[in-house]
Structures are given as structure tokens and as C-alpha cells.
Amino acid sequence: MLTKKVIYWLATAVLCGIMLFSAQMYFRNMEMVKVFFESFNYPTYFVIPLAVLKVLGVIMILWRKSQWLTEWAYAGFFFDLILAYMAHYQVNDGQETFALLGLIAIFPSYFLGKYIRD
């Protein structure tokens, strides 16, 4: 049981850290992020709402008071990470590492969280 808890908290910390790092970058370097979004052919008006949703998703994953909202947070992170990985891979800018790490971390965080915290 202790091993599962350690793996859960490590994976959750990695996932939340990646999302918070991404959100702060969206807030602090908005112009640079908008250039990235344009190179991916994504609309730039998503930058701030996406950053806010990433912060709210981290809060929901750590708080876990609403199972429904926690499920949506994980789903949103999953789709965000898939789209981020594919976008970086398509433009071949070498920045897909964090998206891949997030995708690796999301599965133990999600499944062990259901076992440990629910």
C-alpha cells in the first residue's frame, strides 16, 4: 500500500507541476505562447482560458471533493496533453517532452487516485 501511495503522489506531483508550469508560462509569456499557438494553427484566444482551466484542474485533482469535477479535470488534462504532444510533434520543435511526461504521469495518478483517495 505504501508503494502505491508513493507512486500516486509522485505521478500526481509531476502532472500538477507540468500543468502549473505551463499555466504560469501562459500568464507570464503570453506573447511567446501566442506565437506557439499560431504555429500550431490553434486560436490564440484560448491562451488565458486554458491557463485558468489548468490551475482549476490542479486544484480539483488535489482537492478531490467532487468526483465529477475531478474526472473532468483528468479528462481535460488528458486531451490537453495529447493535443500538446501532437502539435509539438507536427511542427518538429523538440518541445514534446513535457507533454509526454504528463501523459506518462496521468495514468498512475488517475487510476491509483481512485484506489487510494476515493
PDB file of N, CA and C in Angstrom:
ATOM      1  N   MET A   1       0.826  -1.191   0.000  1.00  0.00           N
ATOM      2  CA  MET A   1       0.000   0.000   0.000  1.00  0.00           C
ATOM      3  C   MET A   1       0.875   1.262   0.000  1.00  0.00           C
ATOM      4  N   LEU A   2       1.968   1.232   0.736  1.00  0.00           N
ATOM      5  CA  LEU A   2       2.853   2.393   0.794  1.00  0.00           C
ATOM      6  C   LEU A   2       3.466   2.677  -0.568  1.00  0.00           C
ATOM      7  N   THR A   3       3.845   1.633  -1.287  1.00  0.00           N
ATOM      8  CA  THR A   3       4.427   1.814  -2.624  1.00  0.00           C
ATOM      9  C   THR A   3       3.430   2.472  -3.556  1.00  0.00           C
ATOM     10  N   LYS A   4       2.175   2.048  -3.491  1.00  0.00           N
ATOM     11  CA  LYS A   4       1.145   2.643  -4.339  1.00  0.00           C
ATOM     12  C   LYS A   4       0.925   4.110  -3.999  1.00  0.00           C
ATOM     13  N   LYS A   5       0.968   4.436  -2.712  1.00  0.00           N
ATOM     14  CA  LYS A   5       0.806   5.835  -2.312  1.00  0.00           C
ATOM     15  C   LYS A   5       1.954   6.689  -2.821  1.00  0.00           C
ATOM     16  N   VAL A   6       3.160   6.173  -2.727  1.00  0.00           N
ATOM     17  CA  VAL A   6       4.329   6.917  -3.203  1.00  0.00           C
ATOM     18  C   VAL A   6       4.247   7.138  -4.706  1.00  0.00           C
ATOM     19  N   ILE A   7       3.884   6.094  -5.437  1.00  0.00           N
ATOM     20  CA  ILE A   7       3.752   6.220  -6.896  1.00  0.00           C
ATOM     21  C   ILE A   7       2.642   7.209  -7.239  1.00  0.00           C
ATOM     22  N   TYR A   8       1.513   7.117  -6.530  1.00  0.00           N
ATOM     23  CA  TYR A   8       0.396   8.043  -6.785  1.00  0.00           C
ATOM     24  C   TYR A   8       0.828   9.490  -6.574  1.00  0.00           C
ATOM     25  N   TRP A   9       1.421   9.769  -5.415  1.00  0.00           N
ATOM     26  CA  TRP A   9       1.776  11.158  -5.109  1.00  0.00           C
ATOM     27  C   TRP A   9       2.894  11.667  -6.010  1.00  0.00           C
ATOM     28  N   LEU A  10       3.818  10.808  -6.388  1.00  0.00           N
ATOM     29  CA  LEU A  10       4.877  11.217  -7.310  1.00  0.00           C
ATOM     30  C   LEU A  10       4.295  11.542  -8.688  1.00  0.00           C
ATOM     31  N   ALA A  11       3.448  10.665  -9.199  1.00  0.00           N
ATOM     32  CA  ALA A  11       2.821  10.901 -10.504  1.00  0.00           C
ATOM     33  C   ALA A  11       1.931  12.139 -10.472  1.00  0.00           C
ATOM     34  N   THR A  12       1.188  12.308  -9.395  1.00  0.00           N
ATOM     35  CA  THR A  12       0.307  13.471  -9.269  1.00  0.00           C
ATOM     36  C   THR A  12       1.131  14.760  -9.171  1.00  0.00           C
ATOM     37  N   ALA A  13       2.232  14.714  -8.446  1.00  0.00           N
ATOM     38  CA  ALA A  13       3.096  15.892  -8.339  1.00  0.00           C
ATOM     39  C   ALA A  13       3.701  16.259  -9.693  1.00  0.00           C
ATOM     40  N   VAL A  14       4.127  15.260 -10.444  1.00  0.00           N
ATOM     41  CA  VAL A  14       4.683  15.518 -11.784  1.00  0.00           C
ATOM     42  C   VAL A  14       3.613  16.115 -12.680  1.00  0.00           C
ATOM     43  N   LEU A  15       2.432  15.511 -12.691  1.00  0.00           N
ATOM     44  CA  LEU A  15       1.337  16.003 -13.527  1.00  0.00           C
ATOM     45  C   LEU A  15       0.953  17.430 -13.154  1.00  0.00           C
ATOM     46  N   CYS A  16       0.751  17.680 -11.874  1.00  0.00           N
ATOM     47  CA  CYS A  16       0.352  19.016 -11.423  1.00  0.00           C
ATOM     48  C   CYS A  16       1.471  20.027 -11.653  1.00  0.00           C
ATOM     49  N   GLY A  17       2.706  19.614 -11.464  1.00  0.00           N
ATOM     50  CA  GLY A  17       3.829  20.510 -11.720  1.00  0.00           C
ATOM     51  C   GLY A  17       3.917  20.919 -13.176  1.00  0.00           C
ATOM     52  N   ILE A  18       3.716  19.973 -14.077  1.00  0.00           N
ATOM     53  CA  ILE A  18       3.744  20.284 -15.507  1.00  0.00           C
ATOM     54  C   ILE A  18       2.612  21.249 -15.855  1.00  0.00           C
ATOM     55  N   MET A  19       1.432  20.988 -15.324  1.00  0.00           N
ATOM     56  CA  MET A  19       0.287  21.859 -15.626  1.00  0.00           C
ATOM     57  C   MET A  19       0.465  23.257 -15.044  1.00  0.00           C
ATOM     58  N   LEU A  20       0.987  23.352 -13.827  1.00  0.00           N
ATOM     59  CA  LEU A  20       1.207  24.671 -13.230  1.00  0.00           C
ATOM     60  C   LEU A  20       2.333  25.422 -13.932  1.00  0.00           C
ATOM     61  N   PHE A  21       3.376  24.712 -14.329  1.00  0.00           N
ATOM     62  CA  PHE A  21       4.453  25.348 -15.093  1.00  0.00           C
ATOM     63  C   PHE A  21       3.912  25.894 -16.407  1.00  0.00           C
ATOM     64  N   SER A  22       3.109  25.094 -17.071  1.00  0.00           N
ATOM     65  CA  SER A  22       2.511  25.518 -18.332  1.00  0.00           C
ATOM     66  C   SER A  22       1.607  26.733 -18.122  1.00  0.00           C
ATOM     67  N   ALA A  23       0.770  26.706 -17.096  1.00  0.00           N
ATOM     68  CA  ALA A  23      -0.149  27.815 -16.840  1.00  0.00           C
ATOM     69  C   ALA A  23       0.608  29.102 -16.523  1.00  0.00           C
ATOM     70  N   GLN A  24       1.645  29.023 -15.712  1.00  0.00           N
ATOM     71  CA  GLN A  24       2.391  30.241 -15.381  1.00  0.00           C
ATOM     72  C   GLN A  24       3.093  30.791 -16.610  1.00  0.00           C
ATOM     73  N   MET A  25       3.545  29.892 -17.495  1.00  0.00           N
ATOM     74  CA  MET A  25       4.168  30.352 -18.731  1.00  0.00           C
ATOM     75  C   MET A  25       3.139  31.052 -19.610  1.00  0.00           C
ATOM     76  N   TYR A  26       1.913  30.545 -19.642  1.00  0.00           N
ATOM     77  CA  TYR A  26       0.859  31.176 -20.426  1.00  0.00           C
ATOM     78  C   TYR A  26       0.565  32.583 -19.895  1.00  0.00           C
ATOM     79  N   PHE A  27       0.584  32.743 -18.559  1.00  0.00           N
ATOM     80  CA  PHE A  27       0.321  34.053 -17.963  1.00  0.00           C
ATOM     81  C   PHE A  27       1.499  35.016 -18.136  1.00  0.00           C
ATOM     82  N   ARG A  28       2.708  34.520 -17.909  1.00  0.00           N
ATOM     83  CA  ARG A  28       3.880  35.400 -17.883  1.00  0.00           C
ATOM     84  C   ARG A  28       4.477  35.688 -19.258  1.00  0.00           C
ATOM     85  N   ASN A  29       4.393  34.748 -20.176  1.00  0.00           N
ATOM     86  CA  ASN A  29       4.973  34.909 -21.514  1.00  0.00           C
ATOM     87  C   ASN A  29       3.891  34.754 -22.572  1.00  0.00           C
ATOM     88  N   MET A  30       2.825  35.512 -22.415  1.00  0.00           N
ATOM     89  CA  MET A  30       1.660  35.343 -23.266  1.00  0.00           C
ATOM     90  C   MET A  30       1.981  35.532 -24.752  1.00  0.00           C
ATOM     91  N   GLU A  31       2.816  36.500 -25.070  1.00  0.00           N
ATOM     92  CA  GLU A  31       3.126  36.757 -26.478  1.00  0.00           C
ATOM     93  C   GLU A  31       3.890  35.585 -27.105  1.00  0.00           C
ATOM     94  N   MET A  32       4.815  35.018 -26.364  1.00  0.00           N
ATOM     95  CA  MET A  32       5.558  33.870 -26.867  1.00  0.00           C
ATOM     96  C   MET A  32       4.624  32.672 -27.063  1.00  0.00           C
ATOM     97  N   VAL A  33       3.739  32.453 -26.122  1.00  0.00           N
ATOM     98  CA  VAL A  33       2.801  31.339 -26.209  1.00  0.00           C
ATOM     99  C   VAL A  33       1.847  31.546 -27.384  1.00  0.00           C
ATOM    100  N   LYS A  34       1.434  32.783 -27.613  1.00  0.00           N
ATOM    101  CA  LYS A  34       0.557  33.061 -28.755  1.00  0.00           C
ATOM    102  C   LYS A  34       1.257  32.732 -30.074  1.00  0.00           C
ATOM    103  N   VAL A  35       2.562  33.004 -30.151  1.00  0.00           N
ATOM    104  CA  VAL A  35       3.317  32.648 -31.358  1.00  0.00           C
ATOM    105  C   VAL A  35       3.336  31.129 -31.541  1.00  0.00           C
ATOM    106  N   PHE A  36       3.530  30.390 -30.427  1.00  0.00           N
ATOM    107  CA  PHE A  36       3.465  28.924 -30.496  1.00  0.00           C
ATOM    108  C   PHE A  36       2.090  28.474 -30.980  1.00  0.00           C
ATOM    109  N   PHE A  37       1.032  29.040 -30.401  1.00  0.00           N
ATOM    110  CA  PHE A  37      -0.323  28.654 -30.799  1.00  0.00           C
ATOM    111  C   PHE A  37      -0.556  28.932 -32.270  1.00  0.00           C
ATOM    112  N   GLU A  38      -0.060  30.046 -32.760  1.00  0.00           N
ATOM    113  CA  GLU A  38      -0.221  30.367 -34.179  1.00  0.00           C
ATOM    114  C   GLU A  38       0.532  29.364 -35.054  1.00  0.00           C
ATOM    115  N   SER A  39       1.709  28.949 -34.612  1.00  0.00           N
ATOM    116  CA  SER A  39       2.465  27.959 -35.400  1.00  0.00           C
ATOM    117  C   SER A  39       1.771  26.601 -35.417  1.00  0.00           C
ATOM    118  N   PHE A  40       0.954  26.326 -34.380  1.00  0.00           N
ATOM    119  CA  PHE A  40       0.190  25.082 -34.322  1.00  0.00           C
ATOM    120  C   PHE A  40      -1.163  25.204 -35.024  1.00  0.00           C
ATOM    121  N   ASN A  41      -1.476  26.400 -35.512  1.00  0.00           N
ATOM    122  CA  ASN A  41      -2.789  26.715 -36.091  1.00  0.00           C
ATOM    123  C   ASN A  41      -3.911  26.591 -35.066  1.00  0.00           C
ATOM    124  N   TYR A  42      -3.594  26.903 -33.800  1.00  0.00           N
ATOM    125  CA  TYR A  42      -4.602  26.954 -32.749  1.00  0.00           C
ATOM    126  C   TYR A  42      -5.003  28.414 -32.567  1.00  0.00           C
ATOM    127  N   PRO A  43      -6.240  28.690 -32.201  1.00  0.00           N
ATOM    128  CA  PRO A  43      -6.641  30.079 -31.959  1.00  0.00           C
ATOM    129  C   PRO A  43      -5.956  30.637 -30.705  1.00  0.00           C
ATOM    130  N   THR A  44      -5.501  31.864 -30.801  1.00  0.00           N
ATOM    131  CA  THR A  44      -4.747  32.456 -29.689  1.00  0.00           C
ATOM    132  C   THR A  44      -5.639  32.910 -28.538  1.00  0.00           C
ATOM    133  N   TYR A  45      -6.919  33.039 -28.768  1.00  0.00           N
ATOM    134  CA  TYR A  45      -7.794  33.460 -27.669  1.00  0.00           C
ATOM    135  C   TYR A  45      -7.994  32.360 -26.634  1.00  0.00           C
ATOM    136  N   PHE A  46      -7.464  31.175 -26.871  1.00  0.00           N
ATOM    137  CA  PHE A  46      -7.519  30.085 -25.900  1.00  0.00           C
ATOM    138  C   PHE A  46      -6.432  30.167 -24.832  1.00  0.00           C
ATOM    139  N   VAL A  47      -5.457  31.036 -24.994  1.00  0.00           N
ATOM    140  CA  VAL A  47      -4.291  31.030 -24.107  1.00  0.00           C
ATOM    141  C   VAL A  47      -4.691  31.275 -22.657  1.00  0.00           C
ATOM    142  N   ILE A  48      -5.353  32.371 -22.363  1.00  0.00           N
ATOM    143  CA  ILE A  48      -5.703  32.692 -20.972  1.00  0.00           C
ATOM    144  C   ILE A  48      -6.754  31.736 -20.412  1.00  0.00           C
ATOM    145  N   PRO A  49      -7.861  31.445 -21.136  1.00  0.00           N
ATOM    146  CA  PRO A  49      -8.805  30.466 -20.573  1.00  0.00           C
ATOM    147  C   PRO A  49      -8.167  29.101 -20.304  1.00  0.00           C
ATOM    148  N   LEU A  50      -7.263  28.672 -21.169  1.00  0.00           N
ATOM    149  CA  LEU A  50      -6.590  27.397 -20.964  1.00  0.00           C
ATOM    150  C   LEU A  50      -5.706  27.444 -19.718  1.00  0.00           C
ATOM    151  N   ALA A  51      -5.031  28.557 -19.503  1.00  0.00           N
ATOM    152  CA  ALA A  51      -4.196  28.699 -18.309  1.00  0.00           C
ATOM    153  C   ALA A  51      -5.052  28.662 -17.042  1.00  0.00           C
ATOM    154  N   VAL A  52      -6.174  29.357 -17.063  1.00  0.00           N
ATOM    155  CA  VAL A  52      -7.071  29.355 -15.900  1.00  0.00           C
ATOM    156  C   VAL A  52      -7.607  27.954 -15.640  1.00  0.00           C
ATOM    157  N   LEU A  53      -8.004  27.252 -16.700  1.00  0.00           N
ATOM    158  CA  LEU A  53      -8.525  25.899 -16.532  1.00  0.00           C
ATOM    159  C   LEU A  53      -7.461  24.928 -16.034  1.00  0.00           C
ATOM    160  N   LYS A  54      -6.215  25.137 -16.417  1.00  0.00           N
ATOM    161  CA  LYS A  54      -5.140  24.281 -15.903  1.00  0.00           C
ATOM    162  C   LYS A  54      -4.972  24.468 -14.399  1.00  0.00           C
ATOM    163  N   VAL A  55      -5.026  25.705 -13.934  1.00  0.00           N
ATOM    164  CA  VAL A  55      -4.919  25.965 -12.497  1.00  0.00           C
ATOM    165  C   VAL A  55      -6.112  25.353 -11.767  1.00  0.00           C
ATOM    166  N   LEU A  56      -7.317  25.548 -12.293  1.00  0.00           N
ATOM    167  CA  LEU A  56      -8.500  24.967 -11.663  1.00  0.00           C
ATOM    168  C   LEU A  56      -8.455  23.436 -11.685  1.00  0.00           C
ATOM    169  N   GLY A  57      -7.931  22.855 -12.752  1.00  0.00           N
ATOM    170  CA  GLY A  57      -7.794  21.399 -12.824  1.00  0.00           C
ATOM    171  C   GLY A  57      -6.852  20.856 -11.764  1.00  0.00           C
ATOM    172  N   VAL A  58      -5.737  21.546 -11.548  1.00  0.00           N
ATOM    173  CA  VAL A  58      -4.799  21.129 -10.492  1.00  0.00           C
ATOM    174  C   VAL A  58      -5.488  21.199  -9.124  1.00  0.00           C
ATOM    175  N   ILE A  59      -6.234  22.265  -8.899  1.00  0.00           N
ATOM    176  CA  ILE A  59      -6.955  22.398  -7.619  1.00  0.00           C
ATOM    177  C   ILE A  59      -7.920  21.229  -7.440  1.00  0.00           C
ATOM    178  N   MET A  60      -8.662  20.886  -8.481  1.00  0.00           N
ATOM    179  CA  MET A  60      -9.637  19.797  -8.365  1.00  0.00           C
ATOM    180  C   MET A  60      -8.963  18.443  -8.143  1.00  0.00           C
ATOM    181  N   ILE A  61      -7.829  18.216  -8.809  1.00  0.00           N
ATOM    182  CA  ILE A  61      -7.140  16.933  -8.640  1.00  0.00           C
ATOM    183  C   ILE A  61      -6.589  16.789  -7.224  1.00  0.00           C
ATOM    184  N   LEU A  62      -6.081  17.860  -6.672  1.00  0.00           N
ATOM    185  CA  LEU A  62      -5.540  17.791  -5.318  1.00  0.00           C
ATOM    186  C   LEU A  62      -6.628  17.821  -4.246  1.00  0.00           C
ATOM    187  N   TRP A  63      -7.707  18.521  -4.497  1.00  0.00           N
ATOM    188  CA  TRP A  63      -8.784  18.676  -3.519  1.00  0.00           C
ATOM    189  C   TRP A  63      -9.693  17.448  -3.481  1.00  0.00           C
ATOM    190  N   ARG A  64     -10.126  16.984  -4.641  1.00  0.00           N
ATOM    191  CA  ARG A  64     -10.934  15.766  -4.827  1.00  0.00           C
ATOM    192  C   ARG A  64     -12.222  15.729  -4.028  1.00  0.00           C
ATOM    193  N   LYS A  65     -12.869  16.864  -3.807  1.00  0.00           N
ATOM    194  CA  LYS A  65     -14.140  16.854  -3.081  1.00  0.00           C
ATOM    195  C   LYS A  65     -15.313  16.514  -3.984  1.00  0.00           C
ATOM    196  N   SER A  66     -15.181  16.761  -5.260  1.00  0.00           N
ATOM    197  CA  SER A  66     -16.228  16.421  -6.215  1.00  0.00           C
ATOM    198  C   SER A  66     -15.651  15.416  -7.207  1.00  0.00           C
ATOM    199  N   GLN A  67     -16.161  14.199  -7.156  1.00  0.00           N
ATOM    200  CA  GLN A  67     -15.645  13.163  -8.044  1.00  0.00           C
ATOM    201  C   GLN A  67     -15.906  13.534  -9.502  1.00  0.00           C
ATOM    202  N   TRP A  68     -17.051  14.141  -9.764  1.00  0.00           N
ATOM    203  CA  TRP A  68     -17.416  14.535 -11.123  1.00  0.00           C
ATOM    204  C   TRP A  68     -16.428  15.555 -11.685  1.00  0.00           C
ATOM    205  N   LEU A  69     -16.110  16.583 -10.896  1.00  0.00           N
ATOM    206  CA  LEU A  69     -15.165  17.602 -11.359  1.00  0.00           C
ATOM    207  C   LEU A  69     -13.742  17.059 -11.456  1.00  0.00           C
ATOM    208  N   THR A  70     -13.397  16.146 -10.584  1.00  0.00           N
ATOM    209  CA  THR A  70     -12.072  15.527 -10.662  1.00  0.00           C
ATOM    210  C   THR A  70     -11.934  14.720 -11.952  1.00  0.00           C
ATOM    211  N   GLU A  71     -12.983  13.987 -12.305  1.00  0.00           N
ATOM    212  CA  GLU A  71     -12.968  13.240 -13.563  1.00  0.00           C
ATOM    213  C   GLU A  71     -12.795  14.181 -14.758  1.00  0.00           C
ATOM    214  N   TRP A  72     -13.502  15.308 -14.738  1.00  0.00           N
ATOM    215  CA  TRP A  72     -13.386  16.281 -15.829  1.00  0.00           C
ATOM    216  C   TRP A  72     -11.992  16.897 -15.871  1.00  0.00           C
ATOM    217  N   ALA A  73     -11.398  17.119 -14.722  1.00  0.00           N
ATOM    218  CA  ALA A  73     -10.038  17.680 -14.690  1.00  0.00           C
ATOM    219  C   ALA A  73      -9.055  16.705 -15.332  1.00  0.00           C
ATOM    220  N   TYR A  74      -9.146  15.439 -14.965  1.00  0.00           N
ATOM    221  CA  TYR A  74      -8.266  14.443 -15.587  1.00  0.00           C
ATOM    222  C   TYR A  74      -8.523  14.339 -17.091  1.00  0.00           C
ATOM    223  N   ALA A  75      -9.788  14.353 -17.492  1.00  0.00           N
ATOM    224  CA  ALA A  75     -10.115  14.266 -18.919  1.00  0.00           C
ATOM    225  C   ALA A  75      -9.558  15.479 -19.665  1.00  0.00           C
ATOM    226  N   GLY A  76      -9.731  16.658 -19.089  1.00  0.00           N
ATOM    227  CA  GLY A  76      -9.203  17.865 -19.724  1.00  0.00           C
ATOM    228  C   GLY A  76      -7.696  17.829 -19.843  1.00  0.00           C
ATOM    229  N   PHE A  77      -7.021  17.378 -18.802  1.00  0.00           N
ATOM    230  CA  PHE A  77      -5.563  17.269 -18.859  1.00  0.00           C
ATOM    231  C   PHE A  77      -5.132  16.244 -19.903  1.00  0.00           C
ATOM    232  N   PHE A  78      -5.859  15.128 -19.984  1.00  0.00           N
ATOM    233  CA  PHE A  78      -5.515  14.104 -20.963  1.00  0.00           C
ATOM    234  C   PHE A  78      -5.602  14.664 -22.383  1.00  0.00           C
ATOM    235  N   PHE A  79      -6.708  15.313 -22.694  1.00  0.00           N
ATOM    236  CA  PHE A  79      -6.864  15.858 -24.043  1.00  0.00           C
ATOM    237  C   PHE A  79      -5.878  16.991 -24.306  1.00  0.00           C
ATOM    238  N   ASP A  80      -5.612  17.810 -23.297  1.00  0.00           N
ATOM    239  CA  ASP A  80      -4.628  18.880 -23.450  1.00  0.00           C
ATOM    240  C   ASP A  80      -3.247  18.308 -23.744  1.00  0.00           C
ATOM    241  N   LEU A  81      -2.864  17.273 -23.028  1.00  0.00           N
ATOM    242  CA  LEU A  81      -1.548  16.666 -23.227  1.00  0.00           C
ATOM    243  C   LEU A  81      -1.432  15.968 -24.580  1.00  0.00           C
ATOM    244  N   ILE A  82      -2.496  15.308 -25.000  1.00  0.00           N
ATOM    245  CA  ILE A  82      -2.491  14.672 -26.328  1.00  0.00           C
ATOM    246  C   ILE A  82      -2.331  15.732 -27.407  1.00  0.00           C
ATOM    247  N   LEU A  83      -3.128  16.795 -27.329  1.00  0.00           N
ATOM    248  CA  LEU A  83      -3.061  17.859 -28.334  1.00  0.00           C
ATOM    249  C   LEU A  83      -1.712  18.572 -28.300  1.00  0.00           C
ATOM    250  N   ALA A  84      -1.169  18.786 -27.102  1.00  0.00           N
ATOM    251  CA  ALA A  84       0.138  19.441 -26.992  1.00  0.00           C
ATOM    252  C   ALA A  84       1.229  18.568 -27.605  1.00  0.00           C
ATOM    253  N   TYR A  85       1.193  17.281 -27.280  1.00  0.00           N
ATOM    254  CA  TYR A  85       2.203  16.380 -27.842  1.00  0.00           C
ATOM    255  C   TYR A  85       2.128  16.363 -29.363  1.00  0.00           C
ATOM    256  N   MET A  86       0.930  16.191 -29.894  1.00  0.00           N
ATOM    257  CA  MET A  86       0.777  16.112 -31.346  1.00  0.00           C
ATOM    258  C   MET A  86       1.155  17.425 -32.027  1.00  0.00           C
ATOM    259  N   ALA A  87       0.819  18.556 -31.413  1.00  0.00           N
ATOM    260  CA  ALA A  87       1.158  19.842 -32.010  1.00  0.00           C
ATOM    261  C   ALA A  87       2.668  20.034 -32.064  1.00  0.00           C
ATOM    262  N   HIS A  88       3.346  19.757 -30.966  1.00  0.00           N
ATOM    263  CA  HIS A  88       4.803  19.909 -30.945  1.00  0.00           C
ATOM    264  C   HIS A  88       5.468  18.904 -31.891  1.00  0.00           C
ATOM    265  N   TYR A  89       4.929  17.703 -31.959  1.00  0.00           N
ATOM    266  CA  TYR A  89       5.484  16.688 -32.851  1.00  0.00           C
ATOM    267  C   TYR A  89       5.315  17.101 -34.317  1.00  0.00           C
ATOM    268  N   GLN A  90       4.161  17.648 -34.657  1.00  0.00           N
ATOM    269  CA  GLN A  90       3.890  18.038 -36.047  1.00  0.00           C
ATOM    270  C   GLN A  90       4.798  19.165 -36.530  1.00  0.00           C
ATOM    271  N   VAL A  91       5.064  20.147 -35.650  1.00  0.00           N
ATOM    272  CA  VAL A  91       5.935  21.255 -36.074  1.00  0.00           C
ATOM    273  C   VAL A  91       7.402  20.927 -35.848  1.00  0.00           C
ATOM    274  N   ASN A  92       7.673  19.780 -35.204  1.00  0.00           N
ATOM    275  CA  ASN A  92       9.037  19.288 -35.015  1.00  0.00           C
ATOM    276  C   ASN A  92       9.936  20.316 -34.323  1.00  0.00           C
ATOM    277  N   ASP A  93       9.431  20.867 -33.208  1.00  0.00           N
ATOM    278  CA  ASP A  93      10.215  21.853 -32.475  1.00  0.00           C
ATOM    279  C   ASP A  93      10.949  21.268 -31.270  1.00  0.00           C
ATOM    280  N   GLY A  94      10.798  19.961 -31.027  1.00  0.00           N
ATOM    281  CA  GLY A  94      11.511  19.306 -29.941  1.00  0.00           C
ATOM    282  C   GLY A  94      10.988  19.627 -28.555  1.00  0.00           C
ATOM    283  N   GLN A  95       9.789  20.167 -28.449  1.00  0.00           N
ATOM    284  CA  GLN A  95       9.234  20.576 -27.163  1.00  0.00           C
ATOM    285  C   GLN A  95       8.169  19.614 -26.638  1.00  0.00           C
ATOM    286  N   GLU A  96       8.108  18.415 -27.164  1.00  0.00           N
ATOM    287  CA  GLU A  96       7.050  17.493 -26.755  1.00  0.00           C
ATOM    288  C   GLU A  96       7.376  16.700 -25.493  1.00  0.00           C
ATOM    289  N   THR A  97       8.536  16.913 -24.908  1.00  0.00           N
ATOM    290  CA  THR A  97       8.971  16.125 -23.747  1.00  0.00           C
ATOM    291  C   THR A  97       8.028  16.269 -22.555  1.00  0.00           C
ATOM    292  N   PHE A  98       7.652  17.513 -22.216  1.00  0.00           N
ATOM    293  CA  PHE A  98       6.780  17.714 -21.055  1.00  0.00           C
ATOM    294  C   PHE A  98       5.399  17.107 -21.282  1.00  0.00           C
ATOM    295  N   ALA A  99       4.893  17.198 -22.504  1.00  0.00           N
ATOM    296  CA  ALA A  99       3.595  16.585 -22.800  1.00  0.00           C
ATOM    297  C   ALA A  99       3.684  15.069 -22.651  1.00  0.00           C
ATOM    298  N   LEU A 100       4.765  14.488 -23.101  1.00  0.00           N
ATOM    299  CA  LEU A 100       4.950  13.043 -22.969  1.00  0.00           C
ATOM    300  C   LEU A 100       5.085  12.633 -21.503  1.00  0.00           C
ATOM    301  N   LEU A 101       5.832  13.403 -20.723  1.00  0.00           N
ATOM    302  CA  LEU A 101       5.944  13.118 -19.284  1.00  0.00           C
ATOM    303  C   LEU A 101       4.589  13.227 -18.601  1.00  0.00           C
ATOM    304  N   GLY A 102       3.818  14.229 -18.986  1.00  0.00           N
ATOM    305  CA  GLY A 102       2.475  14.382 -18.427  1.00  0.00           C
ATOM    306  C   GLY A 102       1.583  13.205 -18.774  1.00  0.00           C
ATOM    307  N   LEU A 103       1.683  12.733 -20.014  1.00  0.00           N
ATOM    308  CA  LEU A 103       0.888  11.569 -20.417  1.00  0.00           C
ATOM    309  C   LEU A 103       1.299  10.311 -19.655  1.00  0.00           C
ATOM    310  N   ILE A 104       2.582  10.189 -19.382  1.00  0.00           N
ATOM    311  CA  ILE A 104       3.047   9.036 -18.601  1.00  0.00           C
ATOM    312  C   ILE A 104       2.553   9.142 -17.161  1.00  0.00           C
ATOM    313  N   ALA A 105       2.549  10.352 -16.608  1.00  0.00           N
ATOM    314  CA  ALA A 105       2.164  10.543 -15.203  1.00  0.00           C
ATOM    315  C   ALA A 105       0.660  10.496 -14.976  1.00  0.00           C
ATOM    316  N   ILE A 106      -0.129  10.823 -15.996  1.00  0.00           N
ATOM    317  CA  ILE A 106      -1.574  10.939 -15.771  1.00  0.00           C
ATOM    318  C   ILE A 106      -2.224   9.590 -15.445  1.00  0.00           C
ATOM    319  N   PHE A 107      -1.725   8.513 -16.020  1.00  0.00           N
ATOM    320  CA  PHE A 107      -2.370   7.212 -15.808  1.00  0.00           C
ATOM    321  C   PHE A 107      -2.206   6.681 -14.381  1.00  0.00           C
ATOM    322  N   PRO A 108      -0.989   6.637 -13.822  1.00  0.00           N
ATOM    323  CA  PRO A 108      -0.915   6.188 -12.417  1.00  0.00           C
ATOM    324  C   PRO A 108      -1.613   7.155 -11.467  1.00  0.00           C
ATOM    325  N   SER A 109      -1.557   8.449 -11.771  1.00  0.00           N
ATOM    326  CA  SER A 109      -2.250   9.412 -10.918  1.00  0.00           C
ATOM    327  C   SER A 109      -3.751   9.155 -10.915  1.00  0.00           C
ATOM    328  N   TYR A 110      -4.313   8.954 -12.088  1.00  0.00           N
ATOM    329  CA  TYR A 110      -5.762   8.734 -12.187  1.00  0.00           C
ATOM    330  C   TYR A 110      -6.183   7.413 -11.553  1.00  0.00           C
ATOM    331  N   PHE A 111      -5.577   6.320 -11.962  1.00  0.00           N
ATOM    332  CA  PHE A 111      -6.035   5.007 -11.507  1.00  0.00           C
ATOM    333  C   PHE A 111      -5.686   4.734 -10.045  1.00  0.00           C
ATOM    334  N   LEU A 112      -4.499   5.117  -9.617  1.00  0.00           N
ATOM    335  CA  LEU A 112      -4.166   4.922  -8.198  1.00  0.00           C
ATOM    336  C   LEU A 112      -4.934   5.895  -7.310  1.00  0.00           C
ATOM    337  N   GLY A 113      -5.266   7.067  -7.826  1.00  0.00           N
ATOM    338  CA  GLY A 113      -6.073   8.010  -7.059  1.00  0.00           C
ATOM    339  C   GLY A 113      -7.450   7.464  -6.755  1.00  0.00           C
ATOM    340  N   LYS A 114      -8.036   6.750  -7.698  1.00  0.00           N
ATOM    341  CA  LYS A 114      -9.338   6.121  -7.461  1.00  0.00           C
ATOM    342  C   LYS A 114      -9.218   5.055  -6.369  1.00  0.00           C
ATOM    343  N   TYR A 115      -8.100   4.382  -6.330  1.00  0.00           N
ATOM    344  CA  TYR A 115      -7.882   3.302  -5.370  1.00  0.00           C
ATOM    345  C   TYR A 115      -7.516   3.855  -3.983  1.00  0.00           C
ATOM    346  N   ILE A 116      -6.691   4.874  -3.950  1.00  0.00           N
ATOM    347  CA  ILE A 116      -6.152   5.367  -2.687  1.00  0.00           C
ATOM    348  C   ILE A 116      -7.043   6.437  -2.044  1.00  0.00           C
ATOM    349  N   ARG A 117      -7.546   7.368  -2.842  1.00  0.00           N
ATOM    350  CA  ARG A 117      -8.207   8.542  -2.271  1.00  0.00           C
ATOM    351  C   ARG A 117      -9.725   8.504  -2.298  1.00  0.00           C
ATOM    352  N   ASP A 118     -10.347   7.652  -3.072  1.00  0.00           N
ATOM    353  CA  ASP A 118     -11.817   7.626  -3.117  1.00  0.00           C
ATOM    354  C   ASP A 118     -12.380   6.674  -2.097  1.00  0.00           C
TER     355      ASP A 118
END
